[in-house]
Amino acid sequence: MEVIVGNLELFSIPSGIANLWNIIYQAKIELLSAISQEYPDSHFKFFNIFGEYGLEDKVYEVLSLHFKSFEIINGEDLELNSSPINNIPKILVDGEERIVDVPTVGIHYIDGIEKIPSREHDTEILVINAIINQKSYEELSKDYIVVSLVEKFETKNLFEDTLLKNIDDDILKFLVLKVLRGENIC
């Protein structure tokens, strides 16, 4: 039996979340473990396995831990994505496409909390390219892993409190408080 695994990119790190690399790497290792257990006596062919930081000896070491028979091939013409990152992983088993049932990770880059994407993966990571308040962060953290600059918007007087109640945008709240208090913005 021949199993083809594509575009796993074992050692790739999405931008902005290097500190969460272990979650991403572990999802890919779980995929390798699952297919090695499901097809124990198969010959595996991997293409686009290295990723941007993958060293040949390290990739071979990882694959050797899971598979008895494998090779790394040039499969640029194949449109097969086995990655559990932002994807439902698929492999080819004797030419037939099959879905691999493993936990997946979704990574979403957003500019604010106005349009939070729906949950489609087992683990969801939100990289928010804006300042958010502590309350929003705590609420989002119930369902997502949140990467963002978090500020606690505590008012010091009635004027600040009244002014901030009329502002919905977290970035604008942050800027207004800084200006009112005479603090540096940058």
C-alpha atoms as a PDB file:
ATOM      1  CA  MET A   1       0.000   0.000   0.000  1.00  0.00           C
ATOM      2  CA  GLU A   2       1.272   3.468  -0.871  1.00  0.00           C
ATOM      3  CA  VAL A   3       0.319   6.576   1.106  1.00  0.00           C
ATOM      4  CA  ILE A   4       1.118  10.081  -0.184  1.00  0.00           C
ATOM      5  CA  VAL A   5       1.240  12.996   2.249  1.00  0.00           C
ATOM      6  CA  GLY A   6       1.568  16.521   0.880  1.00  0.00           C
ATOM      7  CA  ASN A   7       2.231  20.049   2.022  1.00  0.00           C
ATOM      8  CA  LEU A   8       2.644  19.197   5.683  1.00  0.00           C
ATOM      9  CA  GLU A   9       5.504  21.715   6.025  1.00  0.00           C
ATOM     10  CA  LEU A  10       6.620  20.198   9.298  1.00  0.00           C
ATOM     11  CA  PHE A  11       8.867  23.099  10.304  1.00  0.00           C
ATOM     12  CA  SER A  12       6.945  26.200   9.205  1.00  0.00           C
ATOM     13  CA  ILE A  13       5.984  28.967  11.589  1.00  0.00           C
ATOM     14  CA  PRO A  14       3.125  31.302  10.610  1.00  0.00           C
ATOM     15  CA  SER A  15       3.959  34.973  11.056  1.00  0.00           C
ATOM     16  CA  GLY A  16       3.123  36.680  14.315  1.00  0.00           C
ATOM     17  CA  ILE A  17       2.716  33.550  16.407  1.00  0.00           C
ATOM     18  CA  ALA A  18       6.192  32.077  16.868  1.00  0.00           C
ATOM     19  CA  ASN A  19       5.433  31.660  20.580  1.00  0.00           C
ATOM     20  CA  LEU A  20       2.603  29.257  19.633  1.00  0.00           C
ATOM     21  CA  TRP A  21       4.799  27.128  17.381  1.00  0.00           C
ATOM     22  CA  ASN A  22       4.450  24.106  19.669  1.00  0.00           C
ATOM     23  CA  ILE A  23       0.656  23.961  19.165  1.00  0.00           C
ATOM     24  CA  ILE A  24       1.103  23.974  15.394  1.00  0.00           C
ATOM     25  CA  TYR A  25       3.971  21.486  15.428  1.00  0.00           C
ATOM     26  CA  GLN A  26       2.077  19.139  17.758  1.00  0.00           C
ATOM     27  CA  ALA A  27      -0.938  19.104  15.410  1.00  0.00           C
ATOM     28  CA  LYS A  28       1.354  18.026  12.561  1.00  0.00           C
ATOM     29  CA  ILE A  29       2.987  15.332  14.722  1.00  0.00           C
ATOM     30  CA  GLU A  30      -0.475  14.025  15.674  1.00  0.00           C
ATOM     31  CA  LEU A  31      -1.246  13.668  11.969  1.00  0.00           C
ATOM     32  CA  LEU A  32       1.961  11.687  11.403  1.00  0.00           C
ATOM     33  CA  SER A  33       1.155   9.480  14.382  1.00  0.00           C
ATOM     34  CA  ALA A  34      -2.422   8.867  13.220  1.00  0.00           C
ATOM     35  CA  ILE A  35      -1.502   7.843   9.679  1.00  0.00           C
ATOM     36  CA  SER A  36       1.404   5.686  10.834  1.00  0.00           C
ATOM     37  CA  GLN A  37      -0.971   3.776  13.123  1.00  0.00           C
ATOM     38  CA  GLU A  38      -3.754   3.519  10.545  1.00  0.00           C
ATOM     39  CA  TYR A  39      -1.455   2.298   7.750  1.00  0.00           C
ATOM     40  CA  PRO A  40       1.384   0.556   9.649  1.00  0.00           C
ATOM     41  CA  ASP A  41       2.829  -1.571   6.818  1.00  0.00           C
ATOM     42  CA  SER A  42       2.530   1.017   4.050  1.00  0.00           C
ATOM     43  CA  HIS A  43       5.199   2.873   2.121  1.00  0.00           C
ATOM     44  CA  PHE A  44       4.822   6.616   2.664  1.00  0.00           C
ATOM     45  CA  LYS A  45       5.764   9.333   0.197  1.00  0.00           C
ATOM     46  CA  PHE A  46       6.060  12.899   1.456  1.00  0.00           C
ATOM     47  CA  PHE A  47       6.277  16.049  -0.617  1.00  0.00           C
ATOM     48  CA  ASN A  48       6.710  19.576   0.675  1.00  0.00           C
ATOM     49  CA  ILE A  49       7.455  18.177   4.122  1.00  0.00           C
ATOM     50  CA  PHE A  50      10.311  20.427   5.257  1.00  0.00           C
ATOM     51  CA  GLY A  51       8.746  23.850   5.683  1.00  0.00           C
ATOM     52  CA  GLU A  52      10.811  27.018   5.755  1.00  0.00           C
ATOM     53  CA  TYR A  53      12.901  25.987   8.793  1.00  0.00           C
ATOM     54  CA  GLY A  54      13.149  22.229   8.259  1.00  0.00           C
ATOM     55  CA  LEU A  55      16.601  20.683   8.202  1.00  0.00           C
ATOM     56  CA  GLU A  56      16.931  17.447   6.282  1.00  0.00           C
ATOM     57  CA  ASP A  57      18.409  15.430   9.137  1.00  0.00           C
ATOM     58  CA  LYS A  58      15.774  16.641  11.625  1.00  0.00           C
ATOM     59  CA  VAL A  59      12.888  15.859   9.241  1.00  0.00           C
ATOM     60  CA  TYR A  60      14.282  12.382   8.573  1.00  0.00           C
ATOM     61  CA  GLU A  61      14.659  11.858  12.307  1.00  0.00           C
ATOM     62  CA  VAL A  62      11.001  12.778  12.945  1.00  0.00           C
ATOM     63  CA  LEU A  63       9.744  10.614  10.077  1.00  0.00           C
ATOM     64  CA  SER A  64      11.900   7.668  11.217  1.00  0.00           C
ATOM     65  CA  LEU A  65      10.159   7.739  14.589  1.00  0.00           C
ATOM     66  CA  HIS A  66       6.794   7.119  12.901  1.00  0.00           C
ATOM     67  CA  PHE A  67       7.396   5.157   9.698  1.00  0.00           C
ATOM     68  CA  LYS A  68       9.280   2.003   8.692  1.00  0.00           C
ATOM     69  CA  SER A  69       9.244   2.764   4.967  1.00  0.00           C
ATOM     70  CA  PHE A  70       9.160   6.305   3.604  1.00  0.00           C
ATOM     71  CA  GLU A  71      10.691   8.659   1.075  1.00  0.00           C
ATOM     72  CA  ILE A  72      10.604  12.353   0.325  1.00  0.00           C
ATOM     73  CA  ILE A  73       9.552  13.082  -3.258  1.00  0.00           C
ATOM     74  CA  ASN A  74       9.155  16.039  -5.568  1.00  0.00           C
ATOM     75  CA  GLY A  75       5.389  16.409  -5.856  1.00  0.00           C
ATOM     76  CA  GLU A  76       4.958  19.954  -7.071  1.00  0.00           C
ATOM     77  CA  ASP A  77       2.275  18.899  -9.554  1.00  0.00           C
ATOM     78  CA  LEU A  78       0.120  17.277  -6.858  1.00  0.00           C
ATOM     79  CA  GLU A  79      -2.666  19.323  -5.292  1.00  0.00           C
ATOM     80  CA  LEU A  80      -2.852  17.533  -1.981  1.00  0.00           C
ATOM     81  CA  ASN A  81      -2.880  19.264   1.388  1.00  0.00           C
ATOM     82  CA  SER A  82      -2.318  17.054   4.414  1.00  0.00           C
ATOM     83  CA  SER A  83      -1.679  19.893   6.839  1.00  0.00           C
ATOM     84  CA  PRO A  84      -3.987  20.161   9.858  1.00  0.00           C
ATOM     85  CA  ILE A  85      -3.398  23.949   9.871  1.00  0.00           C
ATOM     86  CA  ASN A  86      -6.299  25.941   8.354  1.00  0.00           C
ATOM     87  CA  ASN A  87      -7.298  22.788   6.535  1.00  0.00           C
ATOM     88  CA  ILE A  88      -9.054  19.433   6.742  1.00  0.00           C
ATOM     89  CA  PRO A  89      -6.075  17.103   6.110  1.00  0.00           C
ATOM     90  CA  LYS A  90      -6.226  14.674   3.205  1.00  0.00           C
ATOM     91  CA  ILE A  91      -3.871  11.945   2.032  1.00  0.00           C
ATOM     92  CA  LEU A  92      -3.802   9.623  -0.972  1.00  0.00           C
ATOM     93  CA  VAL A  93      -3.994   5.911  -0.206  1.00  0.00           C
ATOM     94  CA  ASP A  94      -3.277   3.883  -3.346  1.00  0.00           C
ATOM     95  CA  GLY A  95      -4.463   6.846  -5.406  1.00  0.00           C
ATOM     96  CA  GLU A  96      -7.688   7.351  -3.463  1.00  0.00           C
ATOM     97  CA  GLU A  97      -8.113  10.583  -1.476  1.00  0.00           C
ATOM     98  CA  ARG A  98      -8.960  10.105   2.206  1.00  0.00           C
ATOM     99  CA  ILE A  99      -9.625  12.556   5.018  1.00  0.00           C
ATOM    100  CA  VAL A 100      -7.484  12.124   8.127  1.00  0.00           C
ATOM    101  CA  ASP A 101      -9.471  12.557  11.331  1.00  0.00           C
ATOM    102  CA  VAL A 102      -7.089  14.522  13.578  1.00  0.00           C
ATOM    103  CA  PRO A 103      -7.425  17.763  15.562  1.00  0.00           C
ATOM    104  CA  THR A 104      -6.987  20.827  13.361  1.00  0.00           C
ATOM    105  CA  VAL A 105      -5.760  24.349  14.105  1.00  0.00           C
ATOM    106  CA  GLY A 106      -7.210  27.502  12.547  1.00  0.00           C
ATOM    107  CA  ILE A 107      -5.149  30.686  12.438  1.00  0.00           C
ATOM    108  CA  HIS A 108      -6.973  33.930  11.696  1.00  0.00           C
ATOM    109  CA  TYR A 109      -5.362  37.342  11.183  1.00  0.00           C
ATOM    110  CA  ILE A 110      -7.877  40.107  11.794  1.00  0.00           C
ATOM    111  CA  ASP A 111      -7.667  43.890  12.132  1.00  0.00           C
ATOM    112  CA  GLY A 112     -10.209  44.251  14.920  1.00  0.00           C
ATOM    113  CA  ILE A 113     -12.844  42.380  16.885  1.00  0.00           C
ATOM    114  CA  GLU A 114     -15.764  43.529  14.758  1.00  0.00           C
ATOM    115  CA  LYS A 115     -15.692  40.422  12.540  1.00  0.00           C
ATOM    116  CA  ILE A 116     -14.627  37.390  14.539  1.00  0.00           C
ATOM    117  CA  PRO A 117     -14.477  34.316  12.289  1.00  0.00           C
ATOM    118  CA  SER A 118     -16.627  31.336  13.143  1.00  0.00           C
ATOM    119  CA  ARG A 119     -15.031  28.317  14.754  1.00  0.00           C
ATOM    120  CA  GLU A 120     -14.183  25.647  12.190  1.00  0.00           C
ATOM    121  CA  HIS A 121     -11.230  23.905  13.849  1.00  0.00           C
ATOM    122  CA  ASP A 122     -10.539  22.191  17.150  1.00  0.00           C
ATOM    123  CA  THR A 123      -8.114  24.941  18.171  1.00  0.00           C
ATOM    124  CA  GLU A 124      -8.581  28.489  16.912  1.00  0.00           C
ATOM    125  CA  ILE A 125      -5.909  31.189  17.090  1.00  0.00           C
ATOM    126  CA  LEU A 126      -6.836  34.850  16.600  1.00  0.00           C
ATOM    127  CA  VAL A 127      -4.010  37.240  15.765  1.00  0.00           C
ATOM    128  CA  ILE A 128      -5.579  40.656  16.245  1.00  0.00           C
ATOM    129  CA  ASN A 129      -3.639  43.505  14.671  1.00  0.00           C
ATOM    130  CA  ALA A 130      -5.147  46.079  17.017  1.00  0.00           C
ATOM    131  CA  ILE A 131      -5.350  47.028  20.664  1.00  0.00           C
ATOM    132  CA  ILE A 132      -8.191  45.343  22.509  1.00  0.00           C
ATOM    133  CA  ASN A 133      -9.472  45.906  26.004  1.00  0.00           C
ATOM    134  CA  GLN A 134      -9.031  43.397  28.811  1.00  0.00           C
ATOM    135  CA  LYS A 135     -12.748  42.550  28.900  1.00  0.00           C
ATOM    136  CA  SER A 136     -12.827  41.707  25.178  1.00  0.00           C
ATOM    137  CA  TYR A 137      -9.666  39.637  25.568  1.00  0.00           C
ATOM    138  CA  GLU A 138     -11.128  37.616  28.433  1.00  0.00           C
ATOM    139  CA  GLU A 139     -14.352  37.007  26.496  1.00  0.00           C
ATOM    140  CA  LEU A 140     -12.527  35.907  23.325  1.00  0.00           C
ATOM    141  CA  SER A 141     -10.134  33.713  25.327  1.00  0.00           C
ATOM    142  CA  LYS A 142     -13.023  31.419  26.211  1.00  0.00           C
ATOM    143  CA  ASP A 143     -13.161  30.145  22.621  1.00  0.00           C
ATOM    144  CA  TYR A 144      -9.883  31.239  21.017  1.00  0.00           C
ATOM    145  CA  ILE A 145      -6.187  31.578  21.694  1.00  0.00           C
ATOM    146  CA  VAL A 146      -5.778  35.348  21.363  1.00  0.00           C
ATOM    147  CA  VAL A 147      -2.602  37.137  20.293  1.00  0.00           C
ATOM    148  CA  SER A 148      -2.965  40.904  20.592  1.00  0.00           C
ATOM    149  CA  LEU A 149      -1.894  44.000  22.474  1.00  0.00           C
ATOM    150  CA  VAL A 150      -4.254  44.125  25.470  1.00  0.00           C
ATOM    151  CA  GLU A 151      -4.973  47.287  27.440  1.00  0.00           C
ATOM    152  CA  LYS A 152      -7.078  47.694  30.532  1.00  0.00           C
ATOM    153  CA  PHE A 153      -9.186  50.791  30.012  1.00  0.00           C
ATOM    154  CA  GLU A 154      -9.611  52.008  33.568  1.00  0.00           C
ATOM    155  CA  THR A 155     -11.063  55.450  33.939  1.00  0.00           C
ATOM    156  CA  LYS A 156      -9.743  57.756  36.629  1.00  0.00           C
ATOM    157  CA  ASN A 157     -12.639  60.188  36.842  1.00  0.00           C
ATOM    158  CA  LEU A 158     -16.264  60.764  35.845  1.00  0.00           C
ATOM    159  CA  PHE A 159     -15.290  62.762  32.730  1.00  0.00           C
ATOM    160  CA  GLU A 160     -13.186  59.887  31.326  1.00  0.00           C
ATOM    161  CA  ASP A 161     -15.900  57.402  32.243  1.00  0.00           C
ATOM    162  CA  THR A 162     -18.637  59.406  30.509  1.00  0.00           C
ATOM    163  CA  LEU A 163     -16.503  59.969  27.405  1.00  0.00           C
ATOM    164  CA  LEU A 164     -15.477  56.316  27.018  1.00  0.00           C
ATOM    165  CA  LYS A 165     -19.065  55.064  27.353  1.00  0.00           C
ATOM    166  CA  ASN A 166     -19.840  56.763  24.026  1.00  0.00           C
ATOM    167  CA  ILE A 167     -16.905  55.148  22.186  1.00  0.00           C
ATOM    168  CA  ASP A 168     -17.161  51.581  20.905  1.00  0.00           C
ATOM    169  CA  ASP A 169     -13.783  51.235  19.181  1.00  0.00           C
ATOM    170  CA  ASP A 170     -10.986  49.976  21.477  1.00  0.00           C
ATOM    171  CA  ILE A 171      -8.227  51.756  19.563  1.00  0.00           C
ATOM    172  CA  LEU A 172     -10.079  55.042  19.788  1.00  0.00           C
ATOM    173  CA  LYS A 173     -10.651  54.519  23.534  1.00  0.00           C
ATOM    174  CA  PHE A 174      -6.941  53.882  23.985  1.00  0.00           C
ATOM    175  CA  LEU A 175      -5.990  57.025  22.031  1.00  0.00           C
ATOM    176  CA  VAL A 176      -8.556  59.240  23.785  1.00  0.00           C
ATOM    177  CA  LEU A 177      -7.344  58.173  27.232  1.00  0.00           C
ATOM    178  CA  LYS A 178      -3.713  58.792  26.255  1.00  0.00           C
ATOM    179  CA  VAL A 179      -4.512  62.282  24.884  1.00  0.00           C
ATOM    180  CA  LEU A 180      -6.697  63.233  27.871  1.00  0.00           C
ATOM    181  CA  ARG A 181      -3.937  62.235  30.276  1.00  0.00           C
ATOM    182  CA  GLY A 182      -1.186  63.907  28.262  1.00  0.00           C
ATOM    183  CA  GLU A 183       0.664  60.613  27.757  1.00  0.00           C
ATOM    184  CA  ASN A 184       2.781  59.694  24.750  1.00  0.00           C
ATOM    185  CA  ILE A 185       0.834  57.834  22.101  1.00  0.00           C
ATOM    186  CA  CYS A 186       3.774  56.139  20.438  1.00  0.00           C
END
